[in-house]
Amino acid sequence: MEFGEFLAALRKERGLLQKEVANYLNVTVATVSNYEKGVHTPDLNTLIKLADFFNVSTDYLLQRTSYKADMNTLNRTLTADYRVSDLLNTILEMDQHSMEALLDYYELLMLRNAARHH
């Protein structure tokens, strides 16, 4: 899907009008319409504003990932020493054996959590 089509679909999924997006970006409705039609492409600063507006990452907007989390989520503090992004980066660097052990532990935690809520 082209960027403009994706942007339009995201806007509609959120139940928003082009006018609302335009107001946030401080541009005309025609500009937003042109983005959605693929006539123009937003510059880098506008892309960042769009990501903030929709509360997604720029990579999600560019369809480089299906992971929607924005920078605030990735930078969220888990403990004094760890953020969400630290955890993700650690997971991505694991070897296969460690990954399997982590997934086993994850499943155990999910079962334990489910048992506590019943």
PDB file of N, CA and C in Angstrom:
ATOM      1  N   MET A   1       0.851  -1.173   0.000  1.00  0.00           N
ATOM      2  CA  MET A   1       0.000   0.000   0.000  1.00  0.00           C
ATOM      3  C   MET A   1       0.900   1.241   0.000  1.00  0.00           C
ATOM      4  N   GLU A   2       0.559   2.204  -0.823  1.00  0.00           N
ATOM      5  CA  GLU A   2       1.317   3.452  -0.879  1.00  0.00           C
ATOM      6  C   GLU A   2       1.137   4.241   0.415  1.00  0.00           C
ATOM      7  N   PHE A   3       2.081   5.136   0.700  1.00  0.00           N
ATOM      8  CA  PHE A   3       2.022   5.924   1.930  1.00  0.00           C
ATOM      9  C   PHE A   3       0.688   6.660   2.067  1.00  0.00           C
ATOM     10  N   GLY A   4       0.272   7.333   1.020  1.00  0.00           N
ATOM     11  CA  GLY A   4      -0.968   8.114   1.074  1.00  0.00           C
ATOM     12  C   GLY A   4      -2.183   7.267   1.385  1.00  0.00           C
ATOM     13  N   GLU A   5      -2.266   6.111   0.753  1.00  0.00           N
ATOM     14  CA  GLU A   5      -3.381   5.194   1.019  1.00  0.00           C
ATOM     15  C   GLU A   5      -3.355   4.741   2.478  1.00  0.00           C
ATOM     16  N   PHE A   6      -2.156   4.451   2.963  1.00  0.00           N
ATOM     17  CA  PHE A   6      -1.986   3.997   4.339  1.00  0.00           C
ATOM     18  C   PHE A   6      -2.395   5.101   5.316  1.00  0.00           C
ATOM     19  N   LEU A   7      -1.973   6.321   5.025  1.00  0.00           N
ATOM     20  CA  LEU A   7      -2.316   7.464   5.868  1.00  0.00           C
ATOM     21  C   LEU A   7      -3.834   7.658   5.915  1.00  0.00           C
ATOM     22  N   ALA A   8      -4.477   7.599   4.758  1.00  0.00           N
ATOM     23  CA  ALA A   8      -5.933   7.756   4.689  1.00  0.00           C
ATOM     24  C   ALA A   8      -6.633   6.650   5.479  1.00  0.00           C
ATOM     25  N   ALA A   9      -6.146   5.422   5.339  1.00  0.00           N
ATOM     26  CA  ALA A   9      -6.752   4.291   6.055  1.00  0.00           C
ATOM     27  C   ALA A   9      -6.592   4.463   7.563  1.00  0.00           C
ATOM     28  N   LEU A  10      -5.429   4.908   7.991  1.00  0.00           N
ATOM     29  CA  LEU A  10      -5.182   5.125   9.419  1.00  0.00           C
ATOM     30  C   LEU A  10      -6.095   6.230   9.954  1.00  0.00           C
ATOM     31  N   ARG A  11      -6.225   7.303   9.196  1.00  0.00           N
ATOM     32  CA  ARG A  11      -7.088   8.407   9.600  1.00  0.00           C
ATOM     33  C   ARG A  11      -8.541   7.932   9.735  1.00  0.00           C
ATOM     34  N   LYS A  12      -9.006   7.189   8.748  1.00  0.00           N
ATOM     35  CA  LYS A  12     -10.384   6.699   8.760  1.00  0.00           C
ATOM     36  C   LYS A  12     -10.602   5.684   9.874  1.00  0.00           C
ATOM     37  N   GLU A  13      -9.601   4.843  10.106  1.00  0.00           N
ATOM     38  CA  GLU A  13      -9.675   3.853  11.189  1.00  0.00           C
ATOM     39  C   GLU A  13      -9.872   4.546  12.534  1.00  0.00           C
ATOM     40  N   ARG A  14      -9.279   5.710  12.687  1.00  0.00           N
ATOM     41  CA  ARG A  14      -9.392   6.474  13.934  1.00  0.00           C
ATOM     42  C   ARG A  14     -10.627   7.372  13.951  1.00  0.00           C
ATOM     43  N   GLY A  15     -11.385   7.375  12.847  1.00  0.00           N
ATOM     44  CA  GLY A  15     -12.594   8.176  12.782  1.00  0.00           C
ATOM     45  C   GLY A  15     -12.333   9.673  12.716  1.00  0.00           C
ATOM     46  N   LEU A  16     -11.252  10.043  12.059  1.00  0.00           N
ATOM     47  CA  LEU A  16     -10.858  11.447  11.988  1.00  0.00           C
ATOM     48  C   LEU A  16     -11.124  12.038  10.608  1.00  0.00           C
ATOM     49  N   LEU A  17     -11.324  13.322  10.589  1.00  0.00           N
ATOM     50  CA  LEU A  17     -11.483  14.049   9.336  1.00  0.00           C
ATOM     51  C   LEU A  17     -10.137  14.617   8.898  1.00  0.00           C
ATOM     52  N   GLN A  18      -9.995  14.841   7.597  1.00  0.00           N
ATOM     53  CA  GLN A  18      -8.777  15.470   7.091  1.00  0.00           C
ATOM     54  C   GLN A  18      -8.551  16.815   7.772  1.00  0.00           C
ATOM     55  N   LYS A  19      -9.637  17.510   8.074  1.00  0.00           N
ATOM     56  CA  LYS A  19      -9.548  18.823   8.718  1.00  0.00           C
ATOM     57  C   LYS A  19      -8.854  18.728  10.072  1.00  0.00           C
ATOM     58  N   GLU A  20      -9.131  17.667  10.827  1.00  0.00           N
ATOM     59  CA  GLU A  20      -8.511  17.499  12.143  1.00  0.00           C
ATOM     60  C   GLU A  20      -7.010  17.271  12.016  1.00  0.00           C
ATOM     61  N   VAL A  21      -6.636  16.482  11.030  1.00  0.00           N
ATOM     62  CA  VAL A  21      -5.205  16.239  10.791  1.00  0.00           C
ATOM     63  C   VAL A  21      -4.546  17.539  10.340  1.00  0.00           C
ATOM     64  N   ALA A  22      -5.195  18.251   9.436  1.00  0.00           N
ATOM     65  CA  ALA A  22      -4.667  19.515   8.917  1.00  0.00           C
ATOM     66  C   ALA A  22      -4.471  20.530  10.040  1.00  0.00           C
ATOM     67  N   ASN A  23      -5.452  20.639  10.923  1.00  0.00           N
ATOM     68  CA  ASN A  23      -5.339  21.576  12.045  1.00  0.00           C
ATOM     69  C   ASN A  23      -4.139  21.243  12.926  1.00  0.00           C
ATOM     70  N   TYR A  24      -3.950  19.972  13.212  1.00  0.00           N
ATOM     71  CA  TYR A  24      -2.825  19.558  14.049  1.00  0.00           C
ATOM     72  C   TYR A  24      -1.490  19.890  13.383  1.00  0.00           C
ATOM     73  N   LEU A  25      -1.422  19.644  12.068  1.00  0.00           N
ATOM     74  CA  LEU A  25      -0.179  19.887  11.331  1.00  0.00           C
ATOM     75  C   LEU A  25       0.017  21.358  10.974  1.00  0.00           C
ATOM     76  N   ASN A  26      -1.053  22.149  11.159  1.00  0.00           N
ATOM     77  CA  ASN A  26      -1.037  23.555  10.766  1.00  0.00           C
ATOM     78  C   ASN A  26      -0.811  23.705   9.256  1.00  0.00           C
ATOM     79  N   VAL A  27      -1.560  22.878   8.491  1.00  0.00           N
ATOM     80  CA  VAL A  27      -1.544  22.926   7.031  1.00  0.00           C
ATOM     81  C   VAL A  27      -2.998  22.969   6.554  1.00  0.00           C
ATOM     82  N   THR A  28      -3.180  23.105   5.258  1.00  0.00           N
ATOM     83  CA  THR A  28      -4.537  23.128   4.713  1.00  0.00           C
ATOM     84  C   THR A  28      -5.074  21.709   4.551  1.00  0.00           C
ATOM     85  N   VAL A  29      -6.377  21.605   4.448  1.00  0.00           N
ATOM     86  CA  VAL A  29      -7.021  20.321   4.174  1.00  0.00           C
ATOM     87  C   VAL A  29      -6.530  19.796   2.822  1.00  0.00           C
ATOM     88  N   ALA A  30      -6.321  20.689   1.882  1.00  0.00           N
ATOM     89  CA  ALA A  30      -5.825  20.292   0.561  1.00  0.00           C
ATOM     90  C   ALA A  30      -4.459  19.610   0.664  1.00  0.00           C
ATOM     91  N   THR A  31      -3.623  20.091   1.569  1.00  0.00           N
ATOM     92  CA  THR A  31      -2.306  19.464   1.758  1.00  0.00           C
ATOM     93  C   THR A  31      -2.459  18.036   2.248  1.00  0.00           C
ATOM     94  N   VAL A  32      -3.320  17.834   3.241  1.00  0.00           N
ATOM     95  CA  VAL A  32      -3.557  16.478   3.755  1.00  0.00           C
ATOM     96  C   VAL A  32      -4.145  15.610   2.652  1.00  0.00           C
ATOM     97  N   SER A  33      -5.067  16.156   1.903  1.00  0.00           N
ATOM     98  CA  SER A  33      -5.665  15.432   0.785  1.00  0.00           C
ATOM     99  C   SER A  33      -4.593  15.022  -0.231  1.00  0.00           C
ATOM    100  N   ASN A  34      -3.673  15.929  -0.513  1.00  0.00           N
ATOM    101  CA  ASN A  34      -2.583  15.622  -1.451  1.00  0.00           C
ATOM    102  C   ASN A  34      -1.650  14.542  -0.909  1.00  0.00           C
ATOM    103  N   TYR A  35      -1.419  14.527   0.410  1.00  0.00           N
ATOM    104  CA  TYR A  35      -0.635  13.438   1.006  1.00  0.00           C
ATOM    105  C   TYR A  35      -1.348  12.115   0.774  1.00  0.00           C
ATOM    106  N   GLU A  36      -2.649  12.116   1.034  1.00  0.00           N
ATOM    107  CA  GLU A  36      -3.419  10.873   0.929  1.00  0.00           C
ATOM    108  C   GLU A  36      -3.555  10.395  -0.509  1.00  0.00           C
ATOM    109  N   LYS A  37      -3.575  11.301  -1.453  1.00  0.00           N
ATOM    110  CA  LYS A  37      -3.672  10.942  -2.868  1.00  0.00           C
ATOM    111  C   LYS A  37      -2.311  10.601  -3.474  1.00  0.00           C
ATOM    112  N   GLY A  38      -1.255  10.840  -2.725  1.00  0.00           N
ATOM    113  CA  GLY A  38       0.086  10.553  -3.234  1.00  0.00           C
ATOM    114  C   GLY A  38       0.639  11.641  -4.133  1.00  0.00           C
ATOM    115  N   VAL A  39      -0.017  12.800  -4.164  1.00  0.00           N
ATOM    116  CA  VAL A  39       0.455  13.925  -4.980  1.00  0.00           C
ATOM    117  C   VAL A  39       1.727  14.502  -4.367  1.00  0.00           C
ATOM    118  N   HIS A  40       1.736  14.613  -3.034  1.00  0.00           N
ATOM    119  CA  HIS A  40       2.896  15.112  -2.301  1.00  0.00           C
ATOM    120  C   HIS A  40       3.215  14.138  -1.177  1.00  0.00           C
ATOM    121  N   THR A  41       4.457  14.205  -0.724  1.00  0.00           N
ATOM    122  CA  THR A  41       4.902  13.397   0.401  1.00  0.00           C
ATOM    123  C   THR A  41       5.307  14.349   1.521  1.00  0.00           C
ATOM    124  N   PRO A  42       4.909  14.075   2.751  1.00  0.00           N
ATOM    125  CA  PRO A  42       5.293  14.974   3.849  1.00  0.00           C
ATOM    126  C   PRO A  42       6.804  14.978   4.070  1.00  0.00           C
ATOM    127  N   ASP A  43       7.312  16.137   4.486  1.00  0.00           N
ATOM    128  CA  ASP A  43       8.733  16.214   4.823  1.00  0.00           C
ATOM    129  C   ASP A  43       8.970  15.498   6.156  1.00  0.00           C
ATOM    130  N   LEU A  44      10.215  15.399   6.554  1.00  0.00           N
ATOM    131  CA  LEU A  44      10.581  14.652   7.753  1.00  0.00           C
ATOM    132  C   LEU A  44       9.891  15.194   9.004  1.00  0.00           C
ATOM    133  N   ASN A  45       9.889  16.509   9.189  1.00  0.00           N
ATOM    134  CA  ASN A  45       9.243  17.082  10.376  1.00  0.00           C
ATOM    135  C   ASN A  45       7.746  16.791  10.400  1.00  0.00           C
ATOM    136  N   THR A  46       7.108  16.856   9.243  1.00  0.00           N
ATOM    137  CA  THR A  46       5.676  16.563   9.170  1.00  0.00           C
ATOM    138  C   THR A  46       5.424  15.088   9.437  1.00  0.00           C
ATOM    139  N   LEU A  47       6.296  14.228   8.943  1.00  0.00           N
ATOM    140  CA  LEU A  47       6.163  12.793   9.205  1.00  0.00           C
ATOM    141  C   LEU A  47       6.220  12.517  10.708  1.00  0.00           C
ATOM    142  N   ILE A  48       7.127  13.183  11.392  1.00  0.00           N
ATOM    143  CA  ILE A  48       7.239  13.020  12.848  1.00  0.00           C
ATOM    144  C   ILE A  48       5.970  13.519  13.532  1.00  0.00           C
ATOM    145  N   LYS A  49       5.441  14.653  13.079  1.00  0.00           N
ATOM    146  CA  LYS A  49       4.201  15.179  13.649  1.00  0.00           C
ATOM    147  C   LYS A  49       3.043  14.216  13.409  1.00  0.00           C
ATOM    148  N   LEU A  50       2.990  13.611  12.220  1.00  0.00           N
ATOM    149  CA  LEU A  50       1.940  12.636  11.926  1.00  0.00           C
ATOM    150  C   LEU A  50       2.047  11.431  12.864  1.00  0.00           C
ATOM    151  N   ALA A  51       3.264  10.970  13.080  1.00  0.00           N
ATOM    152  CA  ALA A  51       3.471   9.837  13.990  1.00  0.00           C
ATOM    153  C   ALA A  51       3.001  10.203  15.397  1.00  0.00           C
ATOM    154  N   ASP A  52       3.333  11.406  15.846  1.00  0.00           N
ATOM    155  CA  ASP A  52       2.891  11.851  17.168  1.00  0.00           C
ATOM    156  C   ASP A  52       1.368  11.962  17.219  1.00  0.00           C
ATOM    157  N   PHE A  53       0.778  12.507  16.165  1.00  0.00           N
ATOM    158  CA  PHE A  53      -0.673  12.690  16.122  1.00  0.00           C
ATOM    159  C   PHE A  53      -1.405  11.353  16.224  1.00  0.00           C
ATOM    160  N   PHE A  54      -0.920  10.351  15.485  1.00  0.00           N
ATOM    161  CA  PHE A  54      -1.581   9.046  15.475  1.00  0.00           C
ATOM    162  C   PHE A  54      -1.051   8.111  16.567  1.00  0.00           C
ATOM    163  N   ASN A  55      -0.058   8.599  17.331  1.00  0.00           N
ATOM    164  CA  ASN A  55       0.522   7.825  18.423  1.00  0.00           C
ATOM    165  C   ASN A  55       1.108   6.495  17.936  1.00  0.00           C
ATOM    166  N   VAL A  56       1.868   6.591  16.858  1.00  0.00           N
ATOM    167  CA  VAL A  56       2.558   5.445  16.281  1.00  0.00           C
ATOM    168  C   VAL A  56       4.000   5.857  15.971  1.00  0.00           C
ATOM    169  N   SER A  57       4.820   4.907  15.584  1.00  0.00           N
ATOM    170  CA  SER A  57       6.192   5.231  15.197  1.00  0.00           C
ATOM    171  C   SER A  57       6.236   5.672  13.732  1.00  0.00           C
ATOM    172  N   THR A  58       7.292   6.377  13.378  1.00  0.00           N
ATOM    173  CA  THR A  58       7.458   6.756  11.973  1.00  0.00           C
ATOM    174  C   THR A  58       7.660   5.510  11.119  1.00  0.00           C
ATOM    175  N   ASP A  59       8.313   4.499  11.659  1.00  0.00           N
ATOM    176  CA  ASP A  59       8.476   3.253  10.907  1.00  0.00           C
ATOM    177  C   ASP A  59       7.128   2.607  10.618  1.00  0.00           C
ATOM    178  N   TYR A  60       6.196   2.716  11.547  1.00  0.00           N
ATOM    179  CA  TYR A  60       4.858   2.187  11.297  1.00  0.00           C
ATOM    180  C   TYR A  60       4.185   2.967  10.166  1.00  0.00           C
ATOM    181  N   LEU A  61       4.289   4.296  10.215  1.00  0.00           N
ATOM    182  CA  LEU A  61       3.699   5.123   9.157  1.00  0.00           C
ATOM    183  C   LEU A  61       4.292   4.800   7.786  1.00  0.00           C
ATOM    184  N   LEU A  62       5.589   4.494   7.783  1.00  0.00           N
ATOM    185  CA  LEU A  62       6.267   4.172   6.527  1.00  0.00           C
ATOM    186  C   LEU A  62       6.114   2.709   6.150  1.00  0.00           C
ATOM    187  N   GLN A  63       5.362   1.972   6.968  1.00  0.00           N
ATOM    188  CA  GLN A  63       5.067   0.563   6.742  1.00  0.00           C
ATOM    189  C   GLN A  63       6.317  -0.306   6.742  1.00  0.00           C
ATOM    190  N   ARG A  64       7.275   0.102   7.571  1.00  0.00           N
ATOM    191  CA  ARG A  64       8.494  -0.697   7.730  1.00  0.00           C
ATOM    192  C   ARG A  64       8.318  -1.734   8.824  1.00  0.00           C
ATOM    193  N   THR A  65       7.236  -1.575   9.612  1.00  0.00           N
ATOM    194  CA  THR A  65       6.922  -2.511  10.678  1.00  0.00           C
ATOM    195  C   THR A  65       5.422  -2.498  10.923  1.00  0.00           C
ATOM    196  N   SER A  66       4.927  -3.570  11.493  1.00  0.00           N
ATOM    197  CA  SER A  66       3.520  -3.592  11.888  1.00  0.00           C
ATOM    198  C   SER A  66       3.385  -3.236  13.370  1.00  0.00           C
ATOM    199  N   TYR A  67       4.512  -2.972  14.022  1.00  0.00           N
ATOM    200  CA  TYR A  67       4.548  -2.595  15.439  1.00  0.00           C
ATOM    201  C   TYR A  67       4.184  -1.121  15.563  1.00  0.00           C
ATOM    202  N   LYS A  68       3.076  -0.830  16.227  1.00  0.00           N
ATOM    203  CA  LYS A  68       2.536   0.531  16.276  1.00  0.00           C
ATOM    204  C   LYS A  68       3.145   1.430  17.343  1.00  0.00           C
ATOM    205  N   ALA A  69       3.804   0.877  18.327  1.00  0.00           N
ATOM    206  CA  ALA A  69       4.220   1.672  19.488  1.00  0.00           C
ATOM    207  C   ALA A  69       5.005   2.919  19.099  1.00  0.00           C
ATOM    208  N   ASP A  70       4.712   3.989  19.804  1.00  0.00           N
ATOM    209  CA  ASP A  70       5.402   5.247  19.571  1.00  0.00           C
ATOM    210  C   ASP A  70       6.656   5.319  20.432  1.00  0.00           C
ATOM    211  N   MET A  71       7.391   6.410  20.315  1.00  0.00           N
ATOM    212  CA  MET A  71       8.640   6.566  21.052  1.00  0.00           C
ATOM    213  C   MET A  71       8.405   6.619  22.559  1.00  0.00           C
ATOM    214  N   ASN A  72       7.284   7.172  22.990  1.00  0.00           N
ATOM    215  CA  ASN A  72       7.002   7.210  24.426  1.00  0.00           C
ATOM    216  C   ASN A  72       6.901   5.806  25.003  1.00  0.00           C
ATOM    217  N   THR A  73       6.299   4.902  24.257  1.00  0.00           N
ATOM    218  CA  THR A  73       6.185   3.516  24.721  1.00  0.00           C
ATOM    219  C   THR A  73       7.558   2.859  24.757  1.00  0.00           C
ATOM    220  N   LEU A  74       8.340   3.035  23.698  1.00  0.00           N
ATOM    221  CA  LEU A  74       9.667   2.426  23.652  1.00  0.00           C
ATOM    222  C   LEU A  74      10.591   2.978  24.729  1.00  0.00           C
ATOM    223  N   ASN A  75      10.410   4.231  25.099  1.00  0.00           N
ATOM    224  CA  ASN A  75      11.252   4.861  26.115  1.00  0.00           C
ATOM    225  C   ASN A  75      10.676   4.738  27.524  1.00  0.00           C
ATOM    226  N   ARG A  76       9.545   4.058  27.642  1.00  0.00           N
ATOM    227  CA  ARG A  76       8.905   3.896  28.952  1.00  0.00           C
ATOM    228  C   ARG A  76       9.814   3.136  29.916  1.00  0.00           C
ATOM    229  N   THR A  77       9.907   3.636  31.120  1.00  0.00           N
ATOM    230  CA  THR A  77      10.742   3.033  32.152  1.00  0.00           C
ATOM    231  C   THR A  77      10.040   1.825  32.747  1.00  0.00           C
ATOM    232  N   LEU A  78      10.743   0.697  32.762  1.00  0.00           N
ATOM    233  CA  LEU A  78      10.226  -0.516  33.402  1.00  0.00           C
ATOM    234  C   LEU A  78      10.700  -0.583  34.845  1.00  0.00           C
ATOM    235  N   THR A  79      11.980  -0.317  35.036  1.00  0.00           N
ATOM    236  CA  THR A  79      12.595  -0.240  36.364  1.00  0.00           C
ATOM    237  C   THR A  79      13.617   0.891  36.301  1.00  0.00           C
ATOM    238  N   ALA A  80      14.297   1.120  37.385  1.00  0.00           N
ATOM    239  CA  ALA A  80      15.299   2.190  37.404  1.00  0.00           C
ATOM    240  C   ALA A  80      16.385   1.974  36.351  1.00  0.00           C
ATOM    241  N   ASP A  81      16.643   0.713  36.003  1.00  0.00           N
ATOM    242  CA  ASP A  81      17.729   0.407  35.072  1.00  0.00           C
ATOM    243  C   ASP A  81      17.283   0.038  33.662  1.00  0.00           C
ATOM    244  N   TYR A  82      15.992  -0.170  33.438  1.00  0.00           N
ATOM    245  CA  TYR A  82      15.541  -0.688  32.146  1.00  0.00           C
ATOM    246  C   TYR A  82      14.352   0.073  31.576  1.00  0.00           C
ATOM    247  N   ARG A  83      14.420   0.259  30.257  1.00  0.00           N
ATOM    248  CA  ARG A  83      13.294   0.797  29.496  1.00  0.00           C
ATOM    249  C   ARG A  83      12.778  -0.315  28.587  1.00  0.00           C
ATOM    250  N   VAL A  84      11.611  -0.121  28.003  1.00  0.00           N
ATOM    251  CA  VAL A  84      11.039  -1.109  27.086  1.00  0.00           C
ATOM    252  C   VAL A  84      12.023  -1.395  25.951  1.00  0.00           C
ATOM    253  N   SER A  85      12.633  -0.361  25.405  1.00  0.00           N
ATOM    254  CA  SER A  85      13.569  -0.555  24.285  1.00  0.00           C
ATOM    255  C   SER A  85      14.778  -1.388  24.696  1.00  0.00           C
ATOM    256  N   ASP A  86      15.236  -1.263  25.947  1.00  0.00           N
ATOM    257  CA  ASP A  86      16.354  -2.091  26.423  1.00  0.00           C
ATOM    258  C   ASP A  86      15.967  -3.562  26.393  1.00  0.00           C
ATOM    259  N   LEU A  87      14.756  -3.842  26.850  1.00  0.00           N
ATOM    260  CA  LEU A  87      14.275  -5.218  26.864  1.00  0.00           C
ATOM    261  C   LEU A  87      14.175  -5.776  25.440  1.00  0.00           C
ATOM    262  N   LEU A  88      13.603  -4.997  24.536  1.00  0.00           N
ATOM    263  CA  LEU A  88      13.480  -5.444  23.144  1.00  0.00           C
ATOM    264  C   LEU A  88      14.842  -5.679  22.513  1.00  0.00           C
ATOM    265  N   ASN A  89      15.764  -4.777  22.727  1.00  0.00           N
ATOM    266  CA  ASN A  89      17.101  -4.940  22.155  1.00  0.00           C
ATOM    267  C   ASN A  89      17.800  -6.182  22.699  1.00  0.00           C
ATOM    268  N   THR A  90      17.632  -6.447  23.987  1.00  0.00           N
ATOM    269  CA  THR A  90      18.226  -7.642  24.587  1.00  0.00           C
ATOM    270  C   THR A  90      17.635  -8.906  23.969  1.00  0.00           C
ATOM    271  N   ILE A  91      16.322  -8.920  23.810  1.00  0.00           N
ATOM    272  CA  ILE A  91      15.656 -10.083  23.217  1.00  0.00           C
ATOM    273  C   ILE A  91      16.174 -10.331  21.806  1.00  0.00           C
ATOM    274  N   LEU A  92      16.318  -9.270  21.034  1.00  0.00           N
ATOM    275  CA  LEU A  92      16.759  -9.417  19.641  1.00  0.00           C
ATOM    276  C   LEU A  92      18.188  -9.923  19.517  1.00  0.00           C
ATOM    277  N   GLU A  93      18.991  -9.758  20.569  1.00  0.00           N
ATOM    278  CA  GLU A  93      20.383 -10.198  20.536  1.00  0.00           C
ATOM    279  C   GLU A  93      20.578 -11.611  21.087  1.00  0.00           C
ATOM    280  N   MET A  94      19.512 -12.242  21.570  1.00  0.00           N
ATOM    281  CA  MET A  94      19.624 -13.570  22.176  1.00  0.00           C
ATOM    282  C   MET A  94      19.895 -14.658  21.134  1.00  0.00           C
ATOM    283  N   ASP A  95      20.615 -15.677  21.576  1.00  0.00           N
ATOM    284  CA  ASP A  95      20.784 -16.843  20.713  1.00  0.00           C
ATOM    285  C   ASP A  95      19.522 -17.696  20.801  1.00  0.00           C
ATOM    286  N   GLN A  96      19.415 -18.699  19.958  1.00  0.00           N
ATOM    287  CA  GLN A  96      18.191 -19.505  19.862  1.00  0.00           C
ATOM    288  C   GLN A  96      17.853 -20.195  21.181  1.00  0.00           C
ATOM    289  N   HIS A  97      18.858 -20.733  21.851  1.00  0.00           N
ATOM    290  CA  HIS A  97      18.629 -21.436  23.124  1.00  0.00           C
ATOM    291  C   HIS A  97      18.057 -20.481  24.175  1.00  0.00           C
ATOM    292  N   SER A  98      18.634 -19.320  24.289  1.00  0.00           N
ATOM    293  CA  SER A  98      18.153 -18.323  25.254  1.00  0.00           C
ATOM    294  C   SER A  98      16.747 -17.853  24.891  1.00  0.00           C
ATOM    295  N   MET A  99      16.491 -17.691  23.599  1.00  0.00           N
ATOM    296  CA  MET A  99      15.173 -17.255  23.147  1.00  0.00           C
ATOM    297  C   MET A  99      14.111 -18.294  23.525  1.00  0.00           C
ATOM    298  N   GLU A 100      14.417 -19.565  23.321  1.00  0.00           N
ATOM    299  CA  GLU A 100      13.471 -20.630  23.674  1.00  0.00           C
ATOM    300  C   GLU A 100      13.218 -20.656  25.176  1.00  0.00           C
ATOM    301  N   ALA A 101      14.278 -20.449  25.967  1.00  0.00           N
ATOM    302  CA  ALA A 101      14.130 -20.423  27.428  1.00  0.00           C
ATOM    303  C   ALA A 101      13.276 -19.225  27.844  1.00  0.00           C
ATOM    304  N   LEU A 102      13.488 -18.083  27.217  1.00  0.00           N
ATOM    305  CA  LEU A 102      12.695 -16.900  27.529  1.00  0.00           C
ATOM    306  C   LEU A 102      11.221 -17.120  27.195  1.00  0.00           C
ATOM    307  N   LEU A 103      10.953 -17.717  26.053  1.00  0.00           N
ATOM    308  CA  LEU A 103       9.572 -17.975  25.661  1.00  0.00           C
ATOM    309  C   LEU A 103       8.897 -18.979  26.585  1.00  0.00           C
ATOM    310  N   ASP A 104       9.651 -19.988  27.039  1.00  0.00           N
ATOM    311  CA  ASP A 104       9.110 -20.933  28.025  1.00  0.00           C
ATOM    312  C   ASP A 104       8.745 -20.198  29.314  1.00  0.00           C
ATOM    313  N   TYR A 105       9.637 -19.320  29.760  1.00  0.00           N
ATOM    314  CA  TYR A 105       9.386 -18.561  30.981  1.00  0.00           C
ATOM    315  C   TYR A 105       8.208 -17.614  30.789  1.00  0.00           C
ATOM    316  N   TYR A 106       8.117 -17.009  29.634  1.00  0.00           N
ATOM    317  CA  TYR A 106       6.997 -16.127  29.312  1.00  0.00           C
ATOM    318  C   TYR A 106       5.667 -16.885  29.426  1.00  0.00           C
ATOM    319  N   GLU A 107       5.612 -18.070  28.849  1.00  0.00           N
ATOM    320  CA  GLU A 107       4.391 -18.872  28.924  1.00  0.00           C
ATOM    321  C   GLU A 107       4.060 -19.228  30.374  1.00  0.00           C
ATOM    322  N   LEU A 108       5.072 -19.526  31.168  1.00  0.00           N
ATOM    323  CA  LEU A 108       4.867 -19.824  32.584  1.00  0.00           C
ATOM    324  C   LEU A 108       4.295 -18.605  33.308  1.00  0.00           C
ATOM    325  N   LEU A 109       4.851 -17.446  33.037  1.00  0.00           N
ATOM    326  CA  LEU A 109       4.353 -16.216  33.666  1.00  0.00           C
ATOM    327  C   LEU A 109       2.909 -15.924  33.264  1.00  0.00           C
ATOM    328  N   MET A 110       2.577 -16.161  32.000  1.00  0.00           N
ATOM    329  CA  MET A 110       1.218 -15.928  31.527  1.00  0.00           C
ATOM    330  C   MET A 110       0.242 -16.873  32.240  1.00  0.00           C
ATOM    331  N   LEU A 111       0.623 -18.137  32.404  1.00  0.00           N
ATOM    332  CA  LEU A 111      -0.219 -19.092  33.130  1.00  0.00           C
ATOM    333  C   LEU A 111      -0.404 -18.682  34.587  1.00  0.00           C
ATOM    334  N   ARG A 112       0.682 -18.259  35.214  1.00  0.00           N
ATOM    335  CA  ARG A 112       0.629 -17.826  36.605  1.00  0.00           C
ATOM    336  C   ARG A 112      -0.265 -16.589  36.741  1.00  0.00           C
ATOM    337  N   ASN A 113      -0.133 -15.673  35.826  1.00  0.00           N
ATOM    338  CA  ASN A 113      -0.943 -14.459  35.844  1.00  0.00           C
ATOM    339  C   ASN A 113      -2.429 -14.783  35.647  1.00  0.00           C
ATOM    340  N   ALA A 114      -2.710 -15.702  34.745  1.00  0.00           N
ATOM    341  CA  ALA A 114      -4.094 -16.108  34.488  1.00  0.00           C
ATOM    342  C   ALA A 114      -4.692 -16.788  35.712  1.00  0.00           C
ATOM    343  N   ALA A 115      -3.889 -17.606  36.401  1.00  0.00           N
ATOM    344  CA  ALA A 115      -4.363 -18.308  37.583  1.00  0.00           C
ATOM    345  C   ALA A 115      -4.680 -17.326  38.713  1.00  0.00           C
ATOM    346  N   ARG A 116      -3.926 -16.251  38.810  1.00  0.00           N
ATOM    347  CA  ARG A 116      -4.161 -15.243  39.853  1.00  0.00           C
ATOM    348  C   ARG A 116      -5.440 -14.458  39.615  1.00  0.00           C
ATOM    349  N   HIS A 117      -5.850 -14.355  38.356  1.00  0.00           N
ATOM    350  CA  HIS A 117      -7.023 -13.563  38.022  1.00  0.00           C
ATOM    351  C   HIS A 117      -8.305 -14.409  37.921  1.00  0.00           C
ATOM    352  N   HIS A 118      -8.238 -15.656  38.303  1.00  0.00           N
ATOM    353  CA  HIS A 118      -9.440 -16.512  38.278  1.00  0.00           C
ATOM    354  C   HIS A 118      -9.925 -16.799  39.641  1.00  0.00           C
TER     355      HIS A 118
END
